[in-house]
Amino acid sequence: MERHEGAITKRQLGRFLALVGAVGFVAILMIDVIDVGRPGGIGPAQRMALGLALACALIGLSLIPRGDAPA
């Protein structure tokens, strides 16, 4: 397999996506902790955002074992 200099690897992309997804998931949950006086809890938009953040993290985690192949 040929190595491309300066190319982003699947492992690097996976780590980035997993980190972004995890931070996003926690940040969305923290909105309810900080704004605890607001009635209603987690709404539909927050559920969608949580799902997207979780999907991003899972896709990232699935790319990490793929190694150093170019993304």
Protein backbone atom coordinates (compact mmCIF):
# COMPACT_ATOMS: atom_id res chain seq x y z
CA MET A 1 0.00 0.00 0.00
CA GLU A 2 1.38 3.36 -0.95
CA ARG A 3 1.79 6.02 1.75
CA HIS A 4 0.68 9.59 1.03
CA GLU A 5 2.70 12.21 2.86
CA GLY A 6 0.60 14.71 4.75
CA ALA A 7 -2.62 12.74 4.22
CA ILE A 8 -5.00 12.34 7.12
CA THR A 9 -5.20 8.72 8.21
CA LYS A 10 -8.34 6.84 9.13
CA ARG A 11 -7.07 6.57 12.71
CA GLN A 12 -6.58 10.35 12.97
CA LEU A 13 -10.00 11.03 11.45
CA GLY A 14 -11.57 8.46 13.77
CA ARG A 15 -10.03 10.01 16.86
CA PHE A 16 -11.17 13.47 15.76
CA LEU A 17 -14.75 12.35 15.06
CA ALA A 18 -14.95 10.38 18.32
CA LEU A 19 -13.72 13.40 20.28
CA VAL A 20 -16.08 15.83 18.54
CA GLY A 21 -19.02 13.47 19.06
CA ALA A 22 -18.26 12.88 22.74
CA VAL A 23 -17.70 16.58 23.49
CA GLY A 24 -20.87 17.49 21.60
CA PHE A 25 -22.90 14.86 23.45
CA VAL A 26 -21.69 16.10 26.85
CA ALA A 27 -22.20 19.74 25.87
CA ILE A 28 -25.80 19.09 24.84
CA LEU A 29 -26.50 17.32 28.13
CA MET A 30 -24.85 20.16 30.05
CA ILE A 31 -27.39 22.59 28.59
CA ASP A 32 -30.04 20.98 30.81
CA VAL A 33 -27.74 20.94 33.85
CA ILE A 34 -26.89 24.64 33.53
CA ASP A 35 -30.42 25.70 32.58
CA VAL A 36 -32.05 23.50 35.22
CA GLY A 37 -34.92 25.91 35.96
CA ARG A 38 -36.36 25.57 32.46
CA PRO A 39 -39.36 23.26 32.23
CA GLY A 40 -39.63 20.57 29.60
CA GLY A 41 -36.38 18.61 29.86
CA ILE A 42 -34.73 17.35 26.69
CA GLY A 43 -36.79 18.36 23.68
CA PRO A 44 -36.96 16.95 20.16
CA ALA A 45 -34.19 19.19 18.79
CA GLN A 46 -31.87 18.17 21.61
CA ARG A 47 -32.69 14.50 21.01
CA MET A 48 -31.78 14.86 17.36
CA ALA A 49 -28.54 16.64 18.28
CA LEU A 50 -27.71 13.92 20.82
CA GLY A 51 -28.33 11.28 18.16
CA LEU A 52 -26.08 13.04 15.67
CA ALA A 53 -23.34 13.48 18.26
CA LEU A 54 -23.61 9.81 19.21
CA ALA A 55 -23.51 8.76 15.55
CA CYS A 56 -20.44 10.94 14.98
CA ALA A 57 -18.68 9.34 17.95
CA LEU A 58 -19.58 5.81 16.84
CA ILE A 59 -18.38 6.42 13.29
CA GLY A 60 -15.16 7.81 14.71
CA LEU A 61 -14.69 4.78 16.96
CA SER A 62 -15.23 2.47 14.00
CA LEU A 63 -12.50 4.22 12.01
CA ILE A 64 -9.79 4.02 14.70
CA PRO A 65 -9.01 0.29 14.17
CA ARG A 66 -8.68 0.83 10.40
CA GLY A 67 -5.12 1.99 10.96
CA ASP A 68 -2.86 4.31 9.01
CA ALA A 69 -4.50 4.04 5.62
CA PRO A 70 -5.33 7.42 4.05
CA ALA A 71 -8.85 8.58 4.77
